[in-house]
Amino acid sequence: MPTPFDPSLLEVRSFRGRCAQWLVDHPGFLFAFFRAVWPNLRVCRYVLVTRRDDVEDVMSQTGAFATRVGPRLAALHPDYPNTPVFGLGSDDDGTYAEALQAASAVLELGDVPGVARIARGFVEPRLAGRTTIDAAELIRLTQADAARRYFGLDVDDAALPQFALCGLALGNYMFGVQATGSDTWRASRAAGAEISAIMRRSIAHAPAAGPNTLIGRLVASGVAAGDIEAMLTGFVAGWVGGATVAAIHALQVLLGRSRAMRAAREAAADCDDAALGRCLFEAIRFSPIFPGAFRDCIADYTIAAGTRRRCAVRSGDVVMPATHSAMFDGTRVAAPRRFDPDRPAGDSMVLGYGRHFCIGHAFGRALVVETLKPLLHRRVWQRRIDRLPPAYFGTVPLTLMVQLR
């Protein structure tokens, strides 16, 4: 019998733990030090890569470094080893191309406006008449509601908060830094099992979900139930997990930077979603979804060969190309500490780099914009007493109390 999902295992409530989590979420000064002094830092068999050139090199060398996303997703679904979507985390050209084609056929760009309306329709009524609100909870529930409606998931209102936490935990498992076998790792695996149960129930009820949902489309197309379950589990991790972290981090940056907040408010007031999207994703550059994507070294390689910062890695080493650090490397990014919504898109690695660039980026952008735009219309602000949250869930605040004017 699967272990029940226990959200408390991912909560960090002690003062020491909250301070440590804050440091993990704000590593900019440490990255700046390492870029200047020790750009490829080795600690035992772990290597932290901080320079932009080297980060891009590691993320491009698929023959030497393997991503963990595909194998971690596959581990949740051992009964479906040949599911194409597992290949979205693959470093094999053919497998990845097959997976990309399968996923692209499902996530239709024409659905983005409808998803935006779902998010906006969830947020706006919940702000009416409010002067104080827990923005972290609102953001989590908004992403979860958009996912259940668009995917066609059998999740009622009472179960929505638990589903939101499951999605966030699954995102931490897929993309985060959890050590295999840790309590947080086991809790996240249990969240994956709970989401799989939701998927199986939803697939069984597919006719009731309707033809305009992803599950309804996939069932009508004759896609095997196991493939649907595995595919949508991966989508939930990126959708509920990724979009939640992105929106919370964007709001935190805006609350702490008056210039950024002013630019975002002006874009929201002008109903300029494109400009608002640029503001929000520039904010996320300062506090990304995660600091980097771990890679397992599968063949001996020399990072930054021929330079003073060269670092030899061996098969079995674990390498973390710090995309957060790379976006602030002054040798490649102009004025990296300046908030600039109009900076070149190539400066950002918020949604990945190269082949593993987020396939759902259009949906993610719409979700973040439509979730935060109503808050910006209400001139959201935060009291000093609320700036250190009482608890973290994984890598984000469990609560984020804000004031509305």
Protein backbone atom coordinates (compact mmCIF):
# COMPACT_ATOMS: atom_id res chain seq x y z
CA MET A 1 0.00 0.00 0.00
CA PRO A 2 1.49 3.41 -0.98
CA THR A 3 2.65 5.70 1.81
CA PRO A 4 0.18 8.60 2.25
CA PHE A 5 1.44 12.04 1.32
CA ASP A 6 2.42 13.99 4.44
CA PRO A 7 2.90 17.69 3.57
CA SER A 8 4.43 18.40 6.99
CA LEU A 9 7.61 16.55 5.93
CA LEU A 10 8.34 19.35 3.45
CA GLU A 11 7.57 22.18 5.85
CA VAL A 12 10.40 24.19 7.39
CA ARG A 13 9.20 26.08 10.46
CA SER A 14 12.16 26.56 12.82
CA PHE A 15 13.82 29.98 12.84
CA ARG A 16 17.16 28.42 11.92
CA GLY A 17 15.55 26.44 9.12
CA ARG A 18 13.75 29.48 7.76
CA CYS A 19 16.97 31.51 7.75
CA ALA A 20 18.81 28.66 6.02
CA GLN A 21 16.05 28.41 3.43
CA TRP A 22 16.21 32.16 2.85
CA LEU A 23 19.92 31.85 2.15
CA VAL A 24 19.29 28.97 -0.26
CA ASP A 25 16.73 31.12 -2.08
CA HIS A 26 19.04 34.17 -2.17
CA PRO A 27 22.46 32.81 -3.13
CA GLY A 28 23.45 35.77 -5.29
CA PHE A 29 26.32 37.01 -3.15
CA LEU A 30 27.76 33.48 -2.83
CA PHE A 31 27.53 32.94 -6.58
CA ALA A 32 29.28 36.28 -7.18
CA PHE A 33 32.12 35.19 -4.88
CA PHE A 34 32.52 31.81 -6.57
CA ARG A 35 32.40 33.30 -10.07
CA ALA A 36 35.30 35.56 -9.14
CA VAL A 37 37.36 33.23 -6.94
CA TRP A 38 36.43 29.60 -7.61
CA PRO A 39 34.15 29.39 -10.66
CA ASN A 40 34.07 25.58 -10.76
CA LEU A 41 33.90 24.54 -7.14
CA ARG A 42 34.46 20.89 -6.29
CA VAL A 43 33.33 19.42 -2.97
CA CYS A 44 34.09 15.68 -2.95
CA ARG A 45 32.24 14.37 -6.01
CA TYR A 46 29.97 17.41 -6.40
CA VAL A 47 30.87 20.29 -8.71
CA LEU A 48 29.20 23.71 -8.72
CA VAL A 49 29.57 25.54 -12.05
CA THR A 50 28.94 29.31 -11.89
CA ARG A 51 30.31 31.03 -15.03
CA ARG A 52 27.90 31.53 -17.95
CA ASP A 53 30.22 30.00 -20.55
CA ASP A 54 30.75 26.89 -18.42
CA VAL A 55 27.07 26.52 -17.50
CA GLU A 56 26.14 26.58 -21.18
CA ASP A 57 28.92 24.09 -21.93
CA VAL A 58 27.73 21.59 -19.31
CA MET A 59 24.10 21.89 -20.39
CA SER A 60 25.08 21.32 -24.02
CA GLN A 61 27.29 18.26 -23.52
CA THR A 62 24.62 15.57 -23.58
CA GLY A 63 27.20 12.85 -24.08
CA ALA A 64 28.93 13.70 -20.82
CA PHE A 65 26.11 14.96 -18.56
CA ALA A 66 22.69 13.39 -18.09
CA THR A 67 19.63 15.17 -16.77
CA ARG A 68 17.68 13.68 -13.86
CA VAL A 69 14.17 14.74 -14.88
CA GLY A 70 13.32 11.86 -17.22
CA PRO A 71 14.60 9.10 -14.91
CA ARG A 72 12.84 10.62 -11.89
CA LEU A 73 9.55 10.78 -13.77
CA ALA A 74 10.02 7.23 -15.04
CA ALA A 75 10.67 6.04 -11.48
CA LEU A 76 7.14 7.13 -10.56
CA HIS A 77 5.70 4.96 -13.31
CA PRO A 78 7.68 1.70 -13.44
CA ASP A 79 4.75 -0.07 -15.13
CA TYR A 80 5.00 2.17 -18.19
CA PRO A 81 8.71 2.10 -19.15
CA ASN A 82 8.15 3.01 -22.81
CA THR A 83 6.07 6.15 -22.33
CA PRO A 84 7.34 8.74 -24.86
CA VAL A 85 7.00 11.74 -22.53
CA PHE A 86 9.74 10.38 -20.26
CA GLY A 87 12.08 11.41 -23.03
CA LEU A 88 11.51 15.12 -22.35
CA GLY A 89 14.22 14.68 -19.74
CA SER A 90 16.33 12.50 -22.01
CA ASP A 91 19.70 13.29 -23.49
CA ASP A 92 19.21 10.92 -26.40
CA ASP A 93 18.40 12.85 -29.59
CA GLY A 94 15.88 10.36 -30.99
CA THR A 95 14.08 9.78 -27.70
CA TYR A 96 13.85 13.48 -26.99
CA ALA A 97 12.50 14.27 -30.47
CA GLU A 98 9.79 11.64 -30.07
CA ALA A 99 8.81 12.97 -26.66
CA LEU A 100 8.76 16.57 -27.86
CA GLN A 101 6.46 15.64 -30.73
CA ALA A 102 4.10 13.75 -28.40
CA ALA A 103 3.92 16.58 -25.85
CA SER A 104 3.60 19.33 -28.46
CA ALA A 105 0.61 17.54 -29.97
CA VAL A 106 -1.16 17.79 -26.61
CA LEU A 107 -0.28 21.30 -25.37
CA GLU A 108 -1.89 23.38 -28.12
CA LEU A 109 -0.93 27.07 -28.16
CA GLY A 110 -4.52 27.93 -29.02
CA ASP A 111 -5.46 26.84 -25.49
CA VAL A 112 -3.37 29.54 -23.81
CA PRO A 113 -6.05 32.29 -23.78
CA GLY A 114 -8.55 29.88 -22.22
CA VAL A 115 -6.08 28.95 -19.49
CA ALA A 116 -5.46 32.65 -18.85
CA ARG A 117 -9.20 33.20 -18.39
CA ILE A 118 -9.39 30.32 -15.91
CA ALA A 119 -6.59 31.81 -13.79
CA ARG A 120 -8.04 35.32 -13.90
CA GLY A 121 -11.51 34.04 -13.07
CA PHE A 122 -10.17 32.24 -10.01
CA VAL A 123 -8.14 35.14 -8.58
CA GLU A 124 -10.38 38.18 -9.09
CA PRO A 125 -13.39 37.06 -6.99
CA ARG A 126 -11.10 36.10 -4.11
CA LEU A 127 -9.68 39.62 -3.91
CA ALA A 128 -13.04 41.36 -3.80
CA GLY A 129 -13.49 43.23 -0.53
CA ARG A 130 -10.19 41.97 0.89
CA THR A 131 -7.48 44.17 2.39
CA THR A 132 -5.23 41.27 3.49
CA ILE A 133 -4.63 37.94 1.78
CA ASP A 134 -2.21 35.03 1.84
CA ALA A 135 -0.70 35.43 -1.62
CA ALA A 136 1.23 32.13 -1.47
CA GLU A 137 -1.97 30.16 -0.84
CA LEU A 138 -3.82 32.11 -3.54
CA ILE A 139 -1.07 31.44 -6.07
CA ARG A 140 -0.93 27.71 -5.26
CA LEU A 141 -4.68 27.29 -5.55
CA THR A 142 -4.83 29.27 -8.79
CA GLN A 143 -2.32 27.00 -10.54
CA ALA A 144 -4.03 23.90 -9.14
CA ASP A 145 -7.45 25.08 -10.29
CA ALA A 146 -6.18 25.89 -13.79
CA ALA A 147 -4.57 22.46 -14.02
CA ARG A 148 -7.65 20.52 -12.87
CA ARG A 149 -9.93 22.39 -15.28
CA TYR A 150 -7.65 22.34 -18.32
CA PHE A 151 -6.44 18.78 -17.81
CA GLY A 152 -9.88 17.50 -16.78
CA LEU A 153 -8.86 16.18 -13.37
CA ASP A 154 -11.38 14.76 -10.91
CA VAL A 155 -10.46 17.06 -8.00
CA ASP A 156 -13.25 18.75 -6.05
CA ASP A 157 -12.95 22.08 -4.21
CA ALA A 158 -12.33 20.43 -0.84
CA ALA A 159 -9.39 18.46 -2.25
CA LEU A 160 -7.88 21.39 -4.15
CA PRO A 161 -5.47 22.57 -1.38
CA GLN A 162 -4.02 19.05 -0.99
CA PHE A 163 -3.70 18.68 -4.76
CA ALA A 164 -1.87 22.03 -4.91
CA LEU A 165 0.65 20.90 -2.28
CA CYS A 166 1.07 17.55 -4.07
CA GLY A 167 1.88 19.37 -7.31
CA LEU A 168 4.37 21.62 -5.56
CA ALA A 169 6.02 18.63 -3.87
CA LEU A 170 6.19 16.79 -7.18
CA GLY A 171 7.87 19.80 -8.79
CA ASN A 172 10.47 19.78 -6.00
CA TYR A 173 11.06 16.07 -6.63
CA MET A 174 11.45 16.52 -10.38
CA PHE A 175 13.54 19.69 -10.48
CA GLY A 176 14.80 20.36 -6.95
CA VAL A 177 17.79 19.37 -4.85
CA GLN A 178 16.26 16.65 -2.70
CA ALA A 179 18.64 13.83 -1.77
CA THR A 180 17.48 10.37 -2.80
CA GLY A 181 16.03 8.53 0.19
CA SER A 182 15.53 11.63 2.36
CA ASP A 183 12.25 12.31 4.15
CA THR A 184 11.45 15.09 1.69
CA TRP A 185 12.23 12.78 -1.23
CA ARG A 186 9.90 10.09 0.15
CA ALA A 187 7.17 12.66 0.79
CA SER A 188 7.45 13.92 -2.77
CA ARG A 189 7.29 10.38 -4.14
CA ALA A 190 4.12 9.89 -2.09
CA ALA A 191 2.72 13.09 -3.64
CA GLY A 192 3.45 11.58 -7.06
CA ALA A 193 1.53 8.43 -6.12
CA GLU A 194 -1.43 10.54 -4.97
CA ILE A 195 -1.43 12.45 -8.24
CA SER A 196 -1.27 9.16 -10.17
CA ALA A 197 -4.39 8.01 -8.32
CA ILE A 198 -6.13 11.24 -9.35
CA MET A 199 -5.04 10.63 -12.95
CA ARG A 200 -6.41 7.07 -13.01
CA ARG A 201 -9.73 8.22 -11.55
CA SER A 202 -9.92 11.07 -14.04
CA ILE A 203 -9.14 8.84 -17.02
CA ALA A 204 -11.92 6.48 -15.94
CA HIS A 205 -14.30 9.46 -15.84
CA ALA A 206 -13.01 10.94 -19.11
CA PRO A 207 -16.41 11.20 -20.86
CA ALA A 208 -17.62 13.45 -18.03
CA ALA A 209 -14.50 15.61 -18.31
CA GLY A 210 -15.52 16.75 -21.77
CA PRO A 211 -13.76 16.89 -25.14
CA ASN A 212 -12.05 20.22 -24.45
CA THR A 213 -9.88 18.84 -21.64
CA LEU A 214 -6.52 17.19 -22.22
CA ILE A 215 -7.70 13.90 -20.76
CA GLY A 216 -10.86 13.99 -22.87
CA ARG A 217 -8.81 14.58 -26.02
CA LEU A 218 -6.26 11.90 -25.23
CA VAL A 219 -8.83 9.25 -24.37
CA ALA A 220 -10.81 10.08 -27.51
CA SER A 221 -7.59 9.75 -29.54
CA GLY A 222 -6.99 6.25 -28.22
CA VAL A 223 -3.86 7.05 -26.19
CA ALA A 224 -3.15 4.31 -23.64
CA ALA A 225 -4.19 5.09 -20.06
CA GLY A 226 -0.66 4.53 -18.76
CA ASP A 227 0.78 7.00 -21.26
CA ILE A 228 -1.83 9.61 -20.31
CA GLU A 229 -1.12 9.15 -16.61
CA ALA A 230 2.64 9.49 -17.02
CA MET A 231 2.40 12.43 -19.40
CA LEU A 232 0.07 14.46 -17.20
CA THR A 233 2.06 13.67 -14.06
CA GLY A 234 5.01 15.40 -15.69
CA PHE A 235 2.80 18.29 -16.76
CA VAL A 236 1.45 18.72 -13.20
CA ALA A 237 5.01 18.90 -11.85
CA GLY A 238 5.89 21.70 -14.25
CA TRP A 239 2.50 23.41 -14.20
CA VAL A 240 1.46 23.41 -10.55
CA GLY A 241 5.01 23.15 -9.18
CA GLY A 242 6.85 25.41 -11.61
CA ALA A 243 4.23 28.12 -12.09
CA THR A 244 3.60 28.34 -8.34
CA VAL A 245 7.27 28.88 -7.54
CA ALA A 246 7.67 31.33 -10.42
CA ALA A 247 4.71 33.49 -9.39
CA ILE A 248 5.62 33.53 -5.68
CA HIS A 249 9.24 34.41 -6.42
CA ALA A 250 8.20 37.13 -8.88
CA LEU A 251 5.91 38.71 -6.30
CA GLN A 252 8.60 38.58 -3.62
CA VAL A 253 11.06 40.38 -5.90
CA LEU A 254 8.49 43.06 -6.77
CA LEU A 255 7.70 43.59 -3.09
CA GLY A 256 11.39 44.14 -2.37
CA ARG A 257 12.26 46.37 -5.35
CA SER A 258 10.31 49.60 -5.75
CA ARG A 259 11.47 50.19 -9.34
CA ALA A 260 10.40 46.71 -10.37
CA MET A 261 7.03 47.09 -8.64
CA ARG A 262 6.44 50.46 -10.31
CA ALA A 263 7.15 49.04 -13.78
CA ALA A 264 4.89 46.04 -13.18
CA ARG A 265 2.04 48.20 -11.87
CA GLU A 266 2.26 50.51 -14.87
CA ALA A 267 2.13 47.56 -17.28
CA ALA A 268 -0.84 46.09 -15.41
CA ALA A 269 -2.66 49.44 -15.38
CA ASP A 270 -2.12 49.75 -19.14
CA CYS A 271 -3.43 46.17 -19.64
CA ASP A 272 -0.19 45.48 -21.52
CA ASP A 273 0.25 41.76 -20.87
CA ALA A 274 3.40 41.55 -22.98
CA ALA A 275 5.11 44.30 -20.98
CA LEU A 276 3.85 42.81 -17.72
CA GLY A 277 5.23 39.41 -18.72
CA ARG A 278 8.64 40.98 -19.36
CA CYS A 279 8.54 42.66 -15.94
CA LEU A 280 7.57 39.48 -14.12
CA PHE A 281 10.09 37.23 -15.82
CA GLU A 282 12.82 39.78 -15.30
CA ALA A 283 11.83 39.66 -11.62
CA ILE A 284 12.08 35.86 -11.69
CA ARG A 285 15.62 36.21 -13.05
CA PHE A 286 16.53 37.65 -9.65
CA SER A 287 14.87 34.69 -7.88
CA PRO A 288 14.57 31.77 -10.31
CA ILE A 289 12.39 28.70 -9.95
CA PHE A 290 15.52 26.78 -8.91
CA PRO A 291 19.21 27.79 -8.82
CA GLY A 292 20.26 25.18 -11.35
CA ALA A 293 19.52 21.76 -12.80
CA PHE A 294 21.62 18.87 -11.51
CA ARG A 295 23.43 16.74 -14.05
CA ASP A 296 24.96 13.31 -13.50
CA CYS A 297 28.33 12.93 -15.18
CA ILE A 298 28.24 9.82 -17.39
CA ALA A 299 31.60 10.26 -19.13
CA ASP A 300 34.88 11.90 -18.12
CA TYR A 301 35.01 15.53 -19.22
CA THR A 302 36.98 18.73 -18.61
CA ILE A 303 34.92 21.84 -17.97
CA ALA A 304 36.53 25.08 -19.24
CA ALA A 305 39.36 23.15 -20.87
CA GLY A 306 42.37 25.30 -21.74
CA THR A 307 41.55 27.99 -19.17
CA ARG A 308 42.74 28.67 -15.63
CA ARG A 309 39.36 27.59 -14.28
CA ARG A 310 39.43 24.14 -15.93
CA CYS A 311 37.88 21.37 -13.88
CA ALA A 312 38.12 17.67 -14.67
CA VAL A 313 35.01 15.67 -13.83
CA ARG A 314 34.71 11.90 -13.80
CA SER A 315 31.88 9.54 -14.51
CA GLY A 316 29.78 9.34 -11.36
CA ASP A 317 30.32 12.96 -10.33
CA VAL A 318 27.30 15.21 -9.82
CA VAL A 319 27.47 18.61 -11.50
CA MET A 320 25.18 21.56 -10.85
CA PRO A 321 25.29 24.17 -13.64
CA ALA A 322 23.99 27.19 -11.70
CA THR A 323 21.73 28.95 -14.18
CA HIS A 324 20.93 31.52 -11.48
CA SER A 325 24.61 32.46 -11.32
CA ALA A 326 24.97 32.40 -15.10
CA MET A 327 22.27 35.05 -15.50
CA PHE A 328 24.39 37.44 -13.39
CA ASP A 329 27.76 36.81 -15.03
CA GLY A 330 28.92 40.28 -16.00
CA THR A 331 31.24 38.92 -18.69
CA ARG A 332 28.19 37.83 -20.69
CA VAL A 333 25.23 39.82 -19.31
CA ALA A 334 25.19 43.63 -19.46
CA ALA A 335 24.41 45.34 -16.14
CA PRO A 336 23.22 42.08 -14.58
CA ARG A 337 22.16 43.65 -11.25
CA ARG A 338 19.91 46.20 -12.96
CA PHE A 339 16.20 45.43 -13.25
CA ASP A 340 15.59 45.75 -16.98
CA PRO A 341 12.39 44.29 -18.45
CA ASP A 342 13.68 45.10 -21.95
CA ARG A 343 16.95 43.21 -21.66
CA PRO A 344 17.63 40.63 -24.43
CA ALA A 345 15.69 37.40 -23.96
CA GLY A 346 18.93 35.47 -24.36
CA ASP A 347 20.19 36.83 -21.04
CA SER A 348 17.55 34.82 -19.19
CA MET A 349 17.79 31.12 -18.34
CA VAL A 350 14.69 31.16 -16.13
CA LEU A 351 12.91 28.58 -18.29
CA GLY A 352 15.96 26.49 -19.08
CA TYR A 353 18.53 26.53 -21.81
CA GLY A 354 18.93 24.87 -25.17
CA ARG A 355 17.07 21.67 -25.86
CA HIS A 356 15.56 21.42 -22.39
CA PHE A 357 13.89 24.82 -22.59
CA CYS A 358 10.45 24.55 -20.92
CA ILE A 359 7.94 23.12 -23.40
CA GLY A 360 5.05 24.77 -21.55
CA HIS A 361 6.59 28.24 -21.47
CA ALA A 362 3.59 29.95 -23.12
CA PHE A 363 1.19 28.47 -20.56
CA GLY A 364 3.54 29.31 -17.69
CA ARG A 365 3.86 32.91 -18.80
CA ALA A 366 0.07 33.29 -19.08
CA LEU A 367 -0.48 31.74 -15.65
CA VAL A 368 2.05 33.98 -13.91
CA VAL A 369 0.72 37.12 -15.62
CA GLU A 370 -2.96 36.42 -14.97
CA THR A 371 -2.36 35.34 -11.38
CA LEU A 372 -0.42 38.47 -10.40
CA LYS A 373 -2.14 41.10 -12.55
CA PRO A 374 -5.22 41.40 -10.27
CA LEU A 375 -2.93 41.80 -7.25
CA LEU A 376 -1.02 44.56 -9.02
CA HIS A 377 -4.28 46.31 -9.89
CA ARG A 378 -4.97 46.38 -6.15
CA ARG A 379 -1.53 47.90 -5.45
CA VAL A 380 -0.28 44.99 -3.39
CA TRP A 381 2.28 45.75 -0.65
CA GLN A 382 3.76 44.03 2.39
CA ARG A 383 4.32 44.96 6.00
CA ARG A 384 7.83 44.52 7.41
CA ILE A 385 6.57 41.99 9.95
CA ASP A 386 5.42 39.69 7.14
CA ARG A 387 8.69 39.69 5.17
CA LEU A 388 10.19 36.65 6.90
CA PRO A 389 7.57 33.94 6.37
CA PRO A 390 6.70 31.68 9.31
CA ALA A 391 7.28 28.53 7.26
CA TYR A 392 8.62 27.29 3.94
CA PHE A 393 7.27 24.44 1.86
CA GLY A 394 10.18 23.06 -0.10
CA THR A 395 11.71 26.12 -1.71
CA VAL A 396 8.86 28.64 -1.34
CA PRO A 397 7.06 30.34 1.54
CA LEU A 398 4.10 28.36 2.78
CA THR A 399 2.41 31.66 3.56
CA LEU A 400 3.05 35.15 2.13
CA MET A 401 0.79 37.71 3.75
CA VAL A 402 0.26 40.88 1.71
CA GLN A 403 -1.87 44.00 1.99
CA LEU A 404 -4.21 45.33 -0.72
CA ARG A 405 -5.23 48.93 -1.30
